[in-house]
C-alpha atoms as a PDB file:
ATOM      1  CA  MET A   1      -1.826   8.713 -18.440  1.00  0.00           C
ATOM      2  CA  ASN A   2      -0.853  11.978 -17.034  1.00  0.00           C
ATOM      3  CA  LYS A   3       0.563  12.837 -13.941  1.00  0.00           C
ATOM      4  CA  THR A   4      -2.354  13.768 -12.075  1.00  0.00           C
ATOM      5  CA  GLN A   5      -3.972  10.568 -12.779  1.00  0.00           C
ATOM      6  CA  ILE A   6      -1.214   8.321 -11.998  1.00  0.00           C
ATOM      7  CA  ASN A   7      -0.974  10.481  -8.360  1.00  0.00           C
ATOM      8  CA  ARG A   8      -4.668   9.630  -7.937  1.00  0.00           C
ATOM      9  CA  LEU A   9      -3.635   6.065  -8.743  1.00  0.00           C
ATOM     10  CA  LEU A  10      -0.857   5.995  -5.853  1.00  0.00           C
ATOM     11  CA  VAL A  11      -3.157   7.783  -3.612  1.00  0.00           C
ATOM     12  CA  ASN A  12      -6.103   5.345  -3.796  1.00  0.00           C
ATOM     13  CA  PHE A  13      -3.783   2.716  -3.135  1.00  0.00           C
ATOM     14  CA  GLY A  14      -1.810   3.973  -0.027  1.00  0.00           C
ATOM     15  CA  GLN A  15      -5.541   4.902   1.199  1.00  0.00           C
ATOM     16  CA  ASN A  16      -6.564   1.466   0.857  1.00  0.00           C
ATOM     17  CA  VAL A  17      -3.329  -0.099   2.304  1.00  0.00           C
ATOM     18  CA  LEU A  18      -4.023   2.191   5.413  1.00  0.00           C
ATOM     19  CA  ARG A  19      -8.040   1.284   5.500  1.00  0.00           C
ATOM     20  CA  TYR A  20      -6.753  -2.805   5.663  1.00  0.00           C
ATOM     21  CA  ARG A  21      -3.907  -2.447   7.910  1.00  0.00           C
ATOM     22  CA  LEU A  22      -6.327  -0.561  10.263  1.00  0.00           C
ATOM     23  CA  ALA A  23      -8.911  -2.816   9.570  1.00  0.00           C
ATOM     24  CA  ARG A  24      -6.153  -5.666  11.097  1.00  0.00           C
ATOM     25  CA  ASP A  25      -5.116  -3.669  14.033  1.00  0.00           C
ATOM     26  CA  MET A  26      -1.396  -3.544  12.411  1.00  0.00           C
ATOM     27  CA  THR A  27       1.183  -1.280  12.832  1.00  0.00           C
ATOM     28  CA  GLN A  28       3.438   0.067  10.100  1.00  0.00           C
ATOM     29  CA  LYS A  29       6.070  -1.675  11.533  1.00  0.00           C
ATOM     30  CA  GLY A  30       3.877  -4.665  11.672  1.00  0.00           C
ATOM     31  CA  LEU A  31       3.103  -4.677   8.233  1.00  0.00           C
ATOM     32  CA  ALA A  32       6.513  -3.545   7.026  1.00  0.00           C
ATOM     33  CA  VAL A  33       8.104  -6.782   9.138  1.00  0.00           C
ATOM     34  CA  ARG A  34       5.325  -9.170   7.754  1.00  0.00           C
ATOM     35  CA  ALA A  35       5.804  -7.484   4.006  1.00  0.00           C
ATOM     36  CA  GLY A  36      10.050  -7.685   4.267  1.00  0.00           C
ATOM     37  CA  LEU A  37       9.572  -3.885   3.367  1.00  0.00           C
ATOM     38  CA  HIS A  38      11.057  -0.775   6.146  1.00  0.00           C
ATOM     39  CA  ARG A  39       8.601   1.125   7.909  1.00  0.00           C
ATOM     40  CA  SER A  40       9.247   4.974   6.506  1.00  0.00           C
ATOM     41  CA  TYR A  41       8.624   2.925   2.662  1.00  0.00           C
ATOM     42  CA  ILE A  42       4.782   1.602   4.062  1.00  0.00           C
ATOM     43  CA  ALA A  43       4.238   5.100   5.516  1.00  0.00           C
ATOM     44  CA  ASP A  44       5.261   7.220   2.210  1.00  0.00           C
ATOM     45  CA  ILE A  45       3.199   4.607   0.213  1.00  0.00           C
ATOM     46  CA  GLU A  46       0.332   5.272   2.484  1.00  0.00           C
ATOM     47  CA  ARG A  47       0.873   8.712   1.845  1.00  0.00           C
ATOM     48  CA  GLY A  48       0.470   8.448  -1.861  1.00  0.00           C
ATOM     49  CA  GLU A  49       4.345   9.236  -2.036  1.00  0.00           C
ATOM     50  CA  ARG A  50       5.864   5.943  -3.487  1.00  0.00           C
ATOM     51  CA  ASN A  51       5.227   4.239  -6.602  1.00  0.00           C
ATOM     52  CA  PRO A  52       5.746   0.651  -5.493  1.00  0.00           C
ATOM     53  CA  SER A  53       6.763  -2.090  -7.789  1.00  0.00           C
ATOM     54  CA  ILE A  54       4.960  -4.678  -8.439  1.00  0.00           C
ATOM     55  CA  VAL A  55       6.659  -7.180  -5.875  1.00  0.00           C
ATOM     56  CA  SER A  56       6.500  -4.202  -3.559  1.00  0.00           C
ATOM     57  CA  MET A  57       2.707  -4.383  -4.177  1.00  0.00           C
ATOM     58  CA  ALA A  58       2.826  -8.611  -3.927  1.00  0.00           C
ATOM     59  CA  ARG A  59       4.483  -8.102  -0.369  1.00  0.00           C
ATOM     60  CA  ILE A  60       2.217  -6.020   1.162  1.00  0.00           C
ATOM     61  CA  SER A  61      -1.396  -7.410  -0.141  1.00  0.00           C
ATOM     62  CA  LYS A  62       0.503 -11.101   1.316  1.00  0.00           C
ATOM     63  CA  ALA A  63       0.987  -9.421   4.413  1.00  0.00           C
ATOM     64  CA  LEU A  64      -2.640  -7.746   4.782  1.00  0.00           C
ATOM     65  CA  LYS A  65      -3.878 -10.943   3.458  1.00  0.00           C
ATOM     66  CA  ILE A  66      -5.919  -9.483   0.579  1.00  0.00           C
ATOM     67  CA  SER A  67      -5.550  -9.273  -3.393  1.00  0.00           C
ATOM     68  CA  ILE A  68      -3.752  -6.392  -5.208  1.00  0.00           C
ATOM     69  CA  SER A  69      -6.689  -5.885  -6.868  1.00  0.00           C
ATOM     70  CA  VAL A  70      -8.866  -4.717  -4.166  1.00  0.00           C
ATOM     71  CA  LEU A  71      -5.826  -2.517  -2.997  1.00  0.00           C
ATOM     72  CA  SER A  72      -6.208  -1.042  -5.992  1.00  0.00           C
ATOM     73  CA  LYS A  73      -9.810  -0.679  -6.046  1.00  0.00           C
ATOM     74  CA  GLY A  74     -10.945   3.210  -6.776  1.00  0.00           C
ATOM     75  CA  ALA A  75      -7.330   3.761  -8.479  1.00  0.00           C
END
């Protein structure tokens, strides 16, 4: 997998996190608290600037009540 493909994965994941967070009328801080992560980390993920670990992905998906596979769609 090349750098462009990896970046696309991260951007798609982040866009999905943002979309589902907003659909649940949740702030970045609210998601961060529920997921046990820092708000700026959530912001970085949503911008596609972070490569979250599988543990962070699981925390986010649990907080959003959606599967990791759904958050990874389009990636």
